[in-house]
C-alpha cells in the first residue's frame, strides 16, 4: 500500500533536497505548490492555514524533512502540531547530507520536535523520531527506508 504523506520543510533552503526525496517514488507525497499559486495562498495567514488543512486532510503521515533552519520555521511548527492533533503519523528525516546541485550539503539542523511541548512540559521529541542519515549514502538510506518509517510512525501514533 502506498501511503499518502505531507512533506513539511523550509522551502527557501531545502526545496532541491526535498525534490530528491519526492522523486524517489516510494510514497505519494503532496505536490509542491506552484510559485503562482503560492503567491495567492500566502496573502494571509488564513489562506495558508486553509491550504495546509486542505492538502493535509487525506494524508496518512507528516514527514518533516529537516534542513539547517527547518526547526525555526513557523509554518513547519504549525504543520507538525496540526498533524499530531489530527492523529497522523509524524516523523522527521535530517536531509543535510543530500546534495543540492546548486548549494551542496548544508549544516545539520536541530530536531524540530524539541521545540513543541505538551501541556505537561514533555517535548514532542520524546514521542516522535527524527532520523539521521550517513554522509556517504543518504539518498539510498532514505529511499530504502522511507516507506517503512512511514508505517512505523503511523503505528506509533495509533499507540500514543
Foldseek 3Di string as FASTA:
>chain_A
DAFEEEEAEDCVPCVQLVVLLCVLPRHRYQDDDDPVVVVVQPPDPVSVVVVLCVRCVRGQEYEYAFAACGLVDPVSVVSVVVCLVVLHFYEYEHRQLPQRPVPGGGDTHDDSQQVDADPVGHTSCVQYYHYYADNPPRSVVCSVCVVVNRVVRSVSSVVD
